[in-house]
Amino acid sequence: MKIKTKVHIHFTQYATDDKGKYEVFSIKLDDSAYRSYVGEQEIEIEVPDDFDPRAQQLAVLQAMKQKVMADYQKSVTDINRQISMLTALELTV
């Protein structure tokens, strides 16, 4: 399947670069000291007819789940360490 979309071409060259490069974005960015807008172009992109993004979306969600679970486990470990420290203290008056 072919899809048509508009892209925006910019020329970017930082002060430390010998040569600049052309970059393509889906939006028009503001000009700056290192980036100049070149123009807009409509392009046609070939996308597989059977493209299904669900596998990629599931992979991202699984990675997010693993990070949340690891963060949670770290928090529980920290809390348990603090509890252990407090219960190990002797109360002297």
PDB file of N, CA and C in Angstrom:
ATOM      1  N   MET A   1       0.843  -1.157   0.000  1.00  0.00           N
ATOM      2  CA  MET A   1       0.000   0.000   0.000  1.00  0.00           C
ATOM      3  C   MET A   1       0.898   1.232   0.000  1.00  0.00           C
ATOM      4  N   LYS A   2       0.558   2.203  -0.769  1.00  0.00           N
ATOM      5  CA  LYS A   2       1.324   3.448  -0.828  1.00  0.00           C
ATOM      6  C   LYS A   2       0.544   4.543  -0.113  1.00  0.00           C
ATOM      7  N   ILE A   3       1.257   5.303   0.694  1.00  0.00           N
ATOM      8  CA  ILE A   3       0.640   6.445   1.356  1.00  0.00           C
ATOM      9  C   ILE A   3       1.387   7.706   0.947  1.00  0.00           C
ATOM     10  N   LYS A   4       0.650   8.790   0.858  1.00  0.00           N
ATOM     11  CA  LYS A   4       1.249  10.083   0.545  1.00  0.00           C
ATOM     12  C   LYS A   4       1.251  10.927   1.811  1.00  0.00           C
ATOM     13  N   THR A   5       2.352  11.649   1.999  1.00  0.00           N
ATOM     14  CA  THR A   5       2.458  12.534   3.149  1.00  0.00           C
ATOM     15  C   THR A   5       3.356  13.715   2.795  1.00  0.00           C
ATOM     16  N   LYS A   6       3.199  14.788   3.526  1.00  0.00           N
ATOM     17  CA  LYS A   6       4.057  15.957   3.326  1.00  0.00           C
ATOM     18  C   LYS A   6       5.167  15.930   4.359  1.00  0.00           C
ATOM     19  N   VAL A   7       6.366  16.270   3.917  1.00  0.00           N
ATOM     20  CA  VAL A   7       7.515  16.366   4.814  1.00  0.00           C
ATOM     21  C   VAL A   7       8.140  17.750   4.659  1.00  0.00           C
ATOM     22  N   HIS A   8       8.889  18.126   5.665  1.00  0.00           N
ATOM     23  CA  HIS A   8       9.556  19.427   5.676  1.00  0.00           C
ATOM     24  C   HIS A   8      11.057  19.202   5.737  1.00  0.00           C
ATOM     25  N   ILE A   9      11.761  19.813   4.802  1.00  0.00           N
ATOM     26  CA  ILE A   9      13.207  19.630   4.698  1.00  0.00           C
ATOM     27  C   ILE A   9      13.905  20.834   5.325  1.00  0.00           C
ATOM     28  N   HIS A  10      14.901  20.517   6.143  1.00  0.00           N
ATOM     29  CA  HIS A  10      15.698  21.538   6.815  1.00  0.00           C
ATOM     30  C   HIS A  10      17.175  21.254   6.559  1.00  0.00           C
ATOM     31  N   PHE A  11      17.951  22.315   6.517  1.00  0.00           N
ATOM     32  CA  PHE A  11      19.405  22.176   6.422  1.00  0.00           C
ATOM     33  C   PHE A  11      19.973  22.529   7.786  1.00  0.00           C
ATOM     34  N   THR A  12      20.754  21.605   8.349  1.00  0.00           N
ATOM     35  CA  THR A  12      21.308  21.793   9.691  1.00  0.00           C
ATOM     36  C   THR A  12      22.830  21.764   9.627  1.00  0.00           C
ATOM     37  N   GLN A  13      23.444  22.774  10.229  1.00  0.00           N
ATOM     38  CA  GLN A  13      24.901  22.817  10.326  1.00  0.00           C
ATOM     39  C   GLN A  13      25.275  23.535  11.614  1.00  0.00           C
ATOM     40  N   TYR A  14      25.890  22.773  12.505  1.00  0.00           N
ATOM     41  CA  TYR A  14      26.361  23.348  13.763  1.00  0.00           C
ATOM     42  C   TYR A  14      27.713  24.006  13.543  1.00  0.00           C
ATOM     43  N   ALA A  15      28.072  24.913  14.426  1.00  0.00           N
ATOM     44  CA  ALA A  15      29.333  25.652  14.289  1.00  0.00           C
ATOM     45  C   ALA A  15      30.540  24.718  14.291  1.00  0.00           C
ATOM     46  N   THR A  16      30.423  23.586  14.944  1.00  0.00           N
ATOM     47  CA  THR A  16      31.540  22.644  15.032  1.00  0.00           C
ATOM     48  C   THR A  16      31.600  21.670  13.851  1.00  0.00           C
ATOM     49  N   ASP A  17      30.598  21.709  12.968  1.00  0.00           N
ATOM     50  CA  ASP A  17      30.549  20.795  11.821  1.00  0.00           C
ATOM     51  C   ASP A  17      31.277  21.383  10.618  1.00  0.00           C
ATOM     52  N   ASP A  18      32.006  20.522   9.897  1.00  0.00           N
ATOM     53  CA  ASP A  18      32.627  20.948   8.649  1.00  0.00           C
ATOM     54  C   ASP A  18      31.574  21.112   7.566  1.00  0.00           C
ATOM     55  N   LYS A  19      30.643  20.148   7.516  1.00  0.00           N
ATOM     56  CA  LYS A  19      29.569  20.187   6.525  1.00  0.00           C
ATOM     57  C   LYS A  19      28.236  20.062   7.244  1.00  0.00           C
ATOM     58  N   GLY A  20      27.219  20.611   6.637  1.00  0.00           N
ATOM     59  CA  GLY A  20      25.879  20.463   7.174  1.00  0.00           C
ATOM     60  C   GLY A  20      25.199  19.259   6.567  1.00  0.00           C
ATOM     61  N   LYS A  21      23.956  19.031   6.961  1.00  0.00           N
ATOM     62  CA  LYS A  21      23.195  17.917   6.399  1.00  0.00           C
ATOM     63  C   LYS A  21      21.728  18.312   6.270  1.00  0.00           C
ATOM     64  N   TYR A  22      21.074  17.667   5.332  1.00  0.00           N
ATOM     65  CA  TYR A  22      19.652  17.874   5.137  1.00  0.00           C
ATOM     66  C   TYR A  22      18.910  16.878   6.013  1.00  0.00           C
ATOM     67  N   GLU A  23      17.865  17.359   6.679  1.00  0.00           N
ATOM     68  CA  GLU A  23      17.059  16.505   7.540  1.00  0.00           C
ATOM     69  C   GLU A  23      15.595  16.664   7.184  1.00  0.00           C
ATOM     70  N   VAL A  24      14.847  15.597   7.366  1.00  0.00           N
ATOM     71  CA  VAL A  24      13.431  15.579   7.027  1.00  0.00           C
ATOM     72  C   VAL A  24      12.625  15.409   8.309  1.00  0.00           C
ATOM     73  N   PHE A  25      11.617  16.249   8.480  1.00  0.00           N
ATOM     74  CA  PHE A  25      10.737  16.199   9.647  1.00  0.00           C
ATOM     75  C   PHE A  25       9.287  16.209   9.188  1.00  0.00           C
ATOM     76  N   SER A  26       8.421  15.744  10.042  1.00  0.00           N
ATOM     77  CA  SER A  26       7.001  15.762   9.700  1.00  0.00           C
ATOM     78  C   SER A  26       6.381  17.127   9.955  1.00  0.00           C
ATOM     79  N   ILE A  27       7.104  18.002  10.645  1.00  0.00           N
ATOM     80  CA  ILE A  27       6.616  19.352  10.924  1.00  0.00           C
ATOM     81  C   ILE A  27       7.662  20.372  10.491  1.00  0.00           C
ATOM     82  N   LYS A  28       7.212  21.596  10.305  1.00  0.00           N
ATOM     83  CA  LYS A  28       8.136  22.676   9.973  1.00  0.00           C
ATOM     84  C   LYS A  28       8.679  23.242  11.279  1.00  0.00           C
ATOM     85  N   LEU A  29       9.999  23.211  11.418  1.00  0.00           N
ATOM     86  CA  LEU A  29      10.647  23.754  12.607  1.00  0.00           C
ATOM     87  C   LEU A  29      11.057  25.196  12.352  1.00  0.00           C
ATOM     88  N   ASP A  30      11.163  25.957  13.407  1.00  0.00           N
ATOM     89  CA  ASP A  30      11.597  27.345  13.284  1.00  0.00           C
ATOM     90  C   ASP A  30      13.062  27.399  12.871  1.00  0.00           C
ATOM     91  N   ASP A  31      13.401  28.423  12.110  1.00  0.00           N
ATOM     92  CA  ASP A  31      14.802  28.648  11.766  1.00  0.00           C
ATOM     93  C   ASP A  31      15.577  29.017  13.033  1.00  0.00           C
ATOM     94  N   SER A  32      16.843  28.666  13.034  1.00  0.00           N
ATOM     95  CA  SER A  32      17.688  29.003  14.177  1.00  0.00           C
ATOM     96  C   SER A  32      19.090  29.319  13.658  1.00  0.00           C
ATOM     97  N   ALA A  33      20.023  29.499  14.574  1.00  0.00           N
ATOM     98  CA  ALA A  33      21.396  29.815  14.182  1.00  0.00           C
ATOM     99  C   ALA A  33      22.040  28.657  13.440  1.00  0.00           C
ATOM    100  N   TYR A  34      21.539  27.446  13.632  1.00  0.00           N
ATOM    101  CA  TYR A  34      22.147  26.269  12.994  1.00  0.00           C
ATOM    102  C   TYR A  34      21.205  25.533  12.041  1.00  0.00           C
ATOM    103  N   ARG A  35      19.937  25.930  11.968  1.00  0.00           N
ATOM    104  CA  ARG A  35      18.976  25.211  11.132  1.00  0.00           C
ATOM    105  C   ARG A  35      18.193  26.197  10.261  1.00  0.00           C
ATOM    106  N   SER A  36      18.079  25.861   8.953  1.00  0.00           N
ATOM    107  CA  SER A  36      17.327  26.688   8.004  1.00  0.00           C
ATOM    108  C   SER A  36      16.277  25.829   7.311  1.00  0.00           C
ATOM    109  N   TYR A  37      15.114  26.407   7.125  1.00  0.00           N
ATOM    110  CA  TYR A  37      14.035  25.707   6.434  1.00  0.00           C
ATOM    111  C   TYR A  37      14.281  25.743   4.936  1.00  0.00           C
ATOM    112  N   VAL A  38      14.210  24.591   4.274  1.00  0.00           N
ATOM    113  CA  VAL A  38      14.429  24.503   2.832  1.00  0.00           C
ATOM    114  C   VAL A  38      13.105  24.523   2.093  1.00  0.00           C
ATOM    115  N   GLY A  39      12.159  23.680   2.531  1.00  0.00           N
ATOM    116  CA  GLY A  39      10.862  23.656   1.872  1.00  0.00           C
ATOM    117  C   GLY A  39      10.066  22.408   2.213  1.00  0.00           C
ATOM    118  N   GLU A  40       8.883  22.366   1.618  1.00  0.00           N
ATOM    119  CA  GLU A  40       7.952  21.263   1.831  1.00  0.00           C
ATOM    120  C   GLU A  40       7.931  20.375   0.594  1.00  0.00           C
ATOM    121  N   GLN A  41       7.756  19.091   0.808  1.00  0.00           N
ATOM    122  CA  GLN A  41       7.716  18.145  -0.309  1.00  0.00           C
ATOM    123  C   GLN A  41       6.693  17.063   0.005  1.00  0.00           C
ATOM    124  N   GLU A  42       5.902  16.693  -0.988  1.00  0.00           N
ATOM    125  CA  GLU A  42       4.999  15.562  -0.806  1.00  0.00           C
ATOM    126  C   GLU A  42       5.729  14.309  -1.290  1.00  0.00           C
ATOM    127  N   ILE A  43       5.705  13.280  -0.460  1.00  0.00           N
ATOM    128  CA  ILE A  43       6.373  12.039  -0.822  1.00  0.00           C
ATOM    129  C   ILE A  43       5.390  10.875  -0.741  1.00  0.00           C
ATOM    130  N   GLU A  44       5.760   9.798  -1.402  1.00  0.00           N
ATOM    131  CA  GLU A  44       4.956   8.581  -1.380  1.00  0.00           C
ATOM    132  C   GLU A  44       5.797   7.483  -0.730  1.00  0.00           C
ATOM    133  N   ILE A  45       5.197   6.809   0.234  1.00  0.00           N
ATOM    134  CA  ILE A  45       5.910   5.790   0.991  1.00  0.00           C
ATOM    135  C   ILE A  45       5.196   4.458   0.833  1.00  0.00           C
ATOM    136  N   GLU A  46       5.987   3.413   0.611  1.00  0.00           N
ATOM    137  CA  GLU A  46       5.441   2.061   0.488  1.00  0.00           C
ATOM    138  C   GLU A  46       5.353   1.430   1.881  1.00  0.00           C
ATOM    139  N   VAL A  47       4.139   1.019   2.248  1.00  0.00           N
ATOM    140  CA  VAL A  47       3.895   0.359   3.527  1.00  0.00           C
ATOM    141  C   VAL A  47       3.349  -1.033   3.227  1.00  0.00           C
ATOM    142  N   PRO A  48       3.844  -2.070   3.910  1.00  0.00           N
ATOM    143  CA  PRO A  48       3.336  -3.419   3.656  1.00  0.00           C
ATOM    144  C   PRO A  48       1.822  -3.490   3.877  1.00  0.00           C
ATOM    145  N   ASP A  49       1.130  -4.188   2.992  1.00  0.00           N
ATOM    146  CA  ASP A  49      -0.317  -4.306   3.107  1.00  0.00           C
ATOM    147  C   ASP A  49      -0.742  -4.988   4.397  1.00  0.00           C
ATOM    148  N   ASP A  50       0.074  -5.895   4.892  1.00  0.00           N
ATOM    149  CA  ASP A  50      -0.289  -6.646   6.095  1.00  0.00           C
ATOM    150  C   ASP A  50       0.362  -6.082   7.364  1.00  0.00           C
ATOM    151  N   PHE A  51       0.760  -4.826   7.339  1.00  0.00           N
ATOM    152  CA  PHE A  51       1.410  -4.219   8.502  1.00  0.00           C
ATOM    153  C   PHE A  51       0.456  -4.197   9.680  1.00  0.00           C
ATOM    154  N   ASP A  52       0.925  -4.714  10.813  1.00  0.00           N
ATOM    155  CA  ASP A  52       0.141  -4.759  12.037  1.00  0.00           C
ATOM    156  C   ASP A  52       1.026  -4.232  13.168  1.00  0.00           C
ATOM    157  N   PRO A  53       0.721  -3.070  13.712  1.00  0.00           N
ATOM    158  CA  PRO A  53       1.580  -2.462  14.729  1.00  0.00           C
ATOM    159  C   PRO A  53       1.442  -3.083  16.114  1.00  0.00           C
ATOM    160  N   ARG A  54       0.525  -4.015  16.304  1.00  0.00           N
ATOM    161  CA  ARG A  54       0.260  -4.540  17.643  1.00  0.00           C
ATOM    162  C   ARG A  54       1.461  -5.231  18.275  1.00  0.00           C
ATOM    163  N   ALA A  55       2.256  -5.954  17.505  1.00  0.00           N
ATOM    164  CA  ALA A  55       3.422  -6.634  18.079  1.00  0.00           C
ATOM    165  C   ALA A  55       4.405  -5.620  18.671  1.00  0.00           C
ATOM    166  N   GLN A  56       4.640  -4.538  17.969  1.00  0.00           N
ATOM    167  CA  GLN A  56       5.537  -3.502  18.466  1.00  0.00           C
ATOM    168  C   GLN A  56       4.943  -2.808  19.687  1.00  0.00           C
ATOM    169  N   GLN A  57       3.640  -2.552  19.645  1.00  0.00           N
ATOM    170  CA  GLN A  57       2.981  -1.904  20.775  1.00  0.00           C
ATOM    171  C   GLN A  57       3.033  -2.794  22.011  1.00  0.00           C
ATOM    172  N   LEU A  58       2.828  -4.104  21.830  1.00  0.00           N
ATOM    173  CA  LEU A  58       2.919  -5.038  22.946  1.00  0.00           C
ATOM    174  C   LEU A  58       4.329  -5.066  23.531  1.00  0.00           C
ATOM    175  N   ALA A  59       5.331  -5.041  22.684  1.00  0.00           N
ATOM    176  CA  ALA A  59       6.720  -5.048  23.151  1.00  0.00           C
ATOM    177  C   ALA A  59       7.007  -3.809  23.997  1.00  0.00           C
ATOM    178  N   VAL A  60       6.518  -2.667  23.570  1.00  0.00           N
ATOM    179  CA  VAL A  60       6.718  -1.430  24.330  1.00  0.00           C
ATOM    180  C   VAL A  60       6.021  -1.527  25.683  1.00  0.00           C
ATOM    181  N   LEU A  61       4.796  -2.027  25.688  1.00  0.00           N
ATOM    182  CA  LEU A  61       4.052  -2.162  26.942  1.00  0.00           C
ATOM    183  C   LEU A  61       4.729  -3.156  27.888  1.00  0.00           C
ATOM    184  N   GLN A  62       5.260  -4.248  27.347  1.00  0.00           N
ATOM    185  CA  GLN A  62       5.968  -5.222  28.188  1.00  0.00           C
ATOM    186  C   GLN A  62       7.210  -4.581  28.810  1.00  0.00           C
ATOM    187  N   ALA A  63       7.931  -3.789  28.028  1.00  0.00           N
ATOM    188  CA  ALA A  63       9.117  -3.109  28.553  1.00  0.00           C
ATOM    189  C   ALA A  63       8.726  -2.104  29.634  1.00  0.00           C
ATOM    190  N   MET A  64       7.644  -1.375  29.418  1.00  0.00           N
ATOM    191  CA  MET A  64       7.164  -0.429  30.428  1.00  0.00           C
ATOM    192  C   MET A  64       6.772  -1.170  31.699  1.00  0.00           C
ATOM    193  N   LYS A  65       6.103  -2.293  31.552  1.00  0.00           N
ATOM    194  CA  LYS A  65       5.685  -3.101  32.696  1.00  0.00           C
ATOM    195  C   LYS A  65       6.898  -3.573  33.489  1.00  0.00           C
ATOM    196  N   GLN A  66       7.933  -4.054  32.803  1.00  0.00           N
ATOM    197  CA  GLN A  66       9.146  -4.516  33.476  1.00  0.00           C
ATOM    198  C   GLN A  66       9.812  -3.384  34.259  1.00  0.00           C
ATOM    199  N   LYS A  67       9.845  -2.189  33.668  1.00  0.00           N
ATOM    200  CA  LYS A  67      10.462  -1.045  34.354  1.00  0.00           C
ATOM    201  C   LYS A  67       9.667  -0.673  35.593  1.00  0.00           C
ATOM    202  N   VAL A  68       8.347  -0.624  35.469  1.00  0.00           N
ATOM    203  CA  VAL A  68       7.500  -0.274  36.612  1.00  0.00           C
ATOM    204  C   VAL A  68       7.669  -1.309  37.723  1.00  0.00           C
ATOM    205  N   MET A  69       7.709  -2.588  37.347  1.00  0.00           N
ATOM    206  CA  MET A  69       7.868  -3.644  38.348  1.00  0.00           C
ATOM    207  C   MET A  69       9.237  -3.548  39.030  1.00  0.00           C
ATOM    208  N   ALA A  70      10.284  -3.247  38.276  1.00  0.00           N
ATOM    209  CA  ALA A  70      11.617  -3.100  38.859  1.00  0.00           C
ATOM    210  C   ALA A  70      11.663  -1.898  39.801  1.00  0.00           C
ATOM    211  N   ASP A  71      11.052  -0.781  39.386  1.00  0.00           N
ATOM    212  CA  ASP A  71      11.000   0.409  40.242  1.00  0.00           C
ATOM    213  C   ASP A  71      10.237   0.108  41.528  1.00  0.00           C
ATOM    214  N   TYR A  72       9.119  -0.621  41.398  1.00  0.00           N
ATOM    215  CA  TYR A  72       8.318  -0.992  42.563  1.00  0.00           C
ATOM    216  C   TYR A  72       9.140  -1.865  43.513  1.00  0.00           C
ATOM    217  N   GLN A  73       9.822  -2.859  42.971  1.00  0.00           N
ATOM    218  CA  GLN A  73      10.621  -3.764  43.803  1.00  0.00           C
ATOM    219  C   GLN A  73      11.728  -3.011  44.526  1.00  0.00           C
ATOM    220  N   LYS A  74      12.338  -2.057  43.843  1.00  0.00           N
ATOM    221  CA  LYS A  74      13.381  -1.248  44.477  1.00  0.00           C
ATOM    222  C   LYS A  74      12.794  -0.446  45.634  1.00  0.00           C
ATOM    223  N   SER A  75      11.612   0.127  45.433  1.00  0.00           N
ATOM    224  CA  SER A  75      10.961   0.895  46.499  1.00  0.00           C
ATOM    225  C   SER A  75      10.652   0.003  47.695  1.00  0.00           C
ATOM    226  N   VAL A  76      10.123  -1.187  47.456  1.00  0.00           N
ATOM    227  CA  VAL A  76       9.801  -2.117  48.542  1.00  0.00           C
ATOM    228  C   VAL A  76      11.070  -2.507  49.287  1.00  0.00           C
ATOM    229  N   THR A  77      12.141  -2.767  48.546  1.00  0.00           N
ATOM    230  CA  THR A  77      13.413  -3.122  49.175  1.00  0.00           C
ATOM    231  C   THR A  77      13.920  -1.981  50.057  1.00  0.00           C
ATOM    232  N   ASP A  78      13.826  -0.747  49.568  1.00  0.00           N
ATOM    233  CA  ASP A  78      14.263   0.416  50.348  1.00  0.00           C
ATOM    234  C   ASP A  78      13.428   0.566  51.624  1.00  0.00           C
ATOM    235  N   ILE A  79      12.116   0.392  51.509  1.00  0.00           N
ATOM    236  CA  ILE A  79      11.234   0.499  52.669  1.00  0.00           C
ATOM    237  C   ILE A  79      11.560  -0.605  53.677  1.00  0.00           C
ATOM    238  N   ASN A  80      11.744  -1.824  53.193  1.00  0.00           N
ATOM    239  CA  ASN A  80      12.088  -2.936  54.087  1.00  0.00           C
ATOM    240  C   ASN A  80      13.418  -2.701  54.792  1.00  0.00           C
ATOM    241  N   ARG A  81      14.377  -2.122  54.084  1.00  0.00           N
ATOM    242  CA  ARG A  81      15.673  -1.804  54.702  1.00  0.00           C
ATOM    243  C   ARG A  81      15.481  -0.790  55.826  1.00  0.00           C
ATOM    244  N   GLN A  82      14.652   0.230  55.597  1.00  0.00           N
ATOM    245  CA  GLN A  82      14.409   1.242  56.626  1.00  0.00           C
ATOM    246  C   GLN A  82      13.694   0.631  57.834  1.00  0.00           C
ATOM    247  N   ILE A  83      12.731  -0.253  57.565  1.00  0.00           N
ATOM    248  CA  ILE A  83      12.026  -0.938  58.656  1.00  0.00           C
ATOM    249  C   ILE A  83      13.011  -1.760  59.472  1.00  0.00           C
ATOM    250  N   SER A  84      13.882  -2.499  58.799  1.00  0.00           N
ATOM    251  CA  SER A  84      14.883  -3.315  59.493  1.00  0.00           C
ATOM    252  C   SER A  84      15.794  -2.462  60.356  1.00  0.00           C
ATOM    253  N   MET A  85      16.202  -1.339  59.842  1.00  0.00           N
ATOM    254  CA  MET A  85      17.085  -0.453  60.601  1.00  0.00           C
ATOM    255  C   MET A  85      16.381   0.061  61.849  1.00  0.00           C
ATOM    256  N   LEU A  86      15.104   0.430  61.716  1.00  0.00           N
ATOM    257  CA  LEU A  86      14.370   0.963  62.862  1.00  0.00           C
ATOM    258  C   LEU A  86      14.088  -0.116  63.904  1.00  0.00           C
ATOM    259  N   THR A  87      13.763  -1.300  63.470  1.00  0.00           N
ATOM    260  CA  THR A  87      13.455  -2.380  64.424  1.00  0.00           C
ATOM    261  C   THR A  87      14.723  -2.926  65.070  1.00  0.00           C
ATOM    262  N   ALA A  88      15.881  -2.705  64.495  1.00  0.00           N
ATOM    263  CA  ALA A  88      17.129  -3.194  65.061  1.00  0.00           C
ATOM    264  C   ALA A  88      17.679  -2.233  66.119  1.00  0.00           C
ATOM    265  N   LEU A  89      17.159  -1.012  66.173  1.00  0.00           N
ATOM    266  CA  LEU A  89      17.646  -0.040  67.149  1.00  0.00           C
ATOM    267  C   LEU A  89      17.156  -0.410  68.546  1.00  0.00           C
ATOM    268  N   GLU A  90      18.031  -0.246  69.528  1.00  0.00           N
ATOM    269  CA  GLU A  90      17.642  -0.474  70.911  1.00  0.00           C
ATOM    270  C   GLU A  90      17.173   0.861  71.478  1.00  0.00           C
ATOM    271  N   LEU A  91      16.087   0.789  72.209  1.00  0.00           N
ATOM    272  CA  LEU A  91      15.549   1.985  72.823  1.00  0.00           C
ATOM    273  C   LEU A  91      16.188   2.118  74.215  1.00  0.00           C
ATOM    274  N   THR A  92      16.958   3.165  74.399  1.00  0.00           N
ATOM    275  CA  THR A  92      17.581   3.396  75.695  1.00  0.00           C
ATOM    276  C   THR A  92      17.089   4.736  76.218  1.00  0.00           C
ATOM    277  N   VAL A  93      16.732   4.748  77.489  1.00  0.00           N
ATOM    278  CA  VAL A  93      16.236   5.970  78.102  1.00  0.00           C
ATOM    279  C   VAL A  93      17.150   6.420  79.196  1.00  0.00           C
TER     280      VAL A  93
END
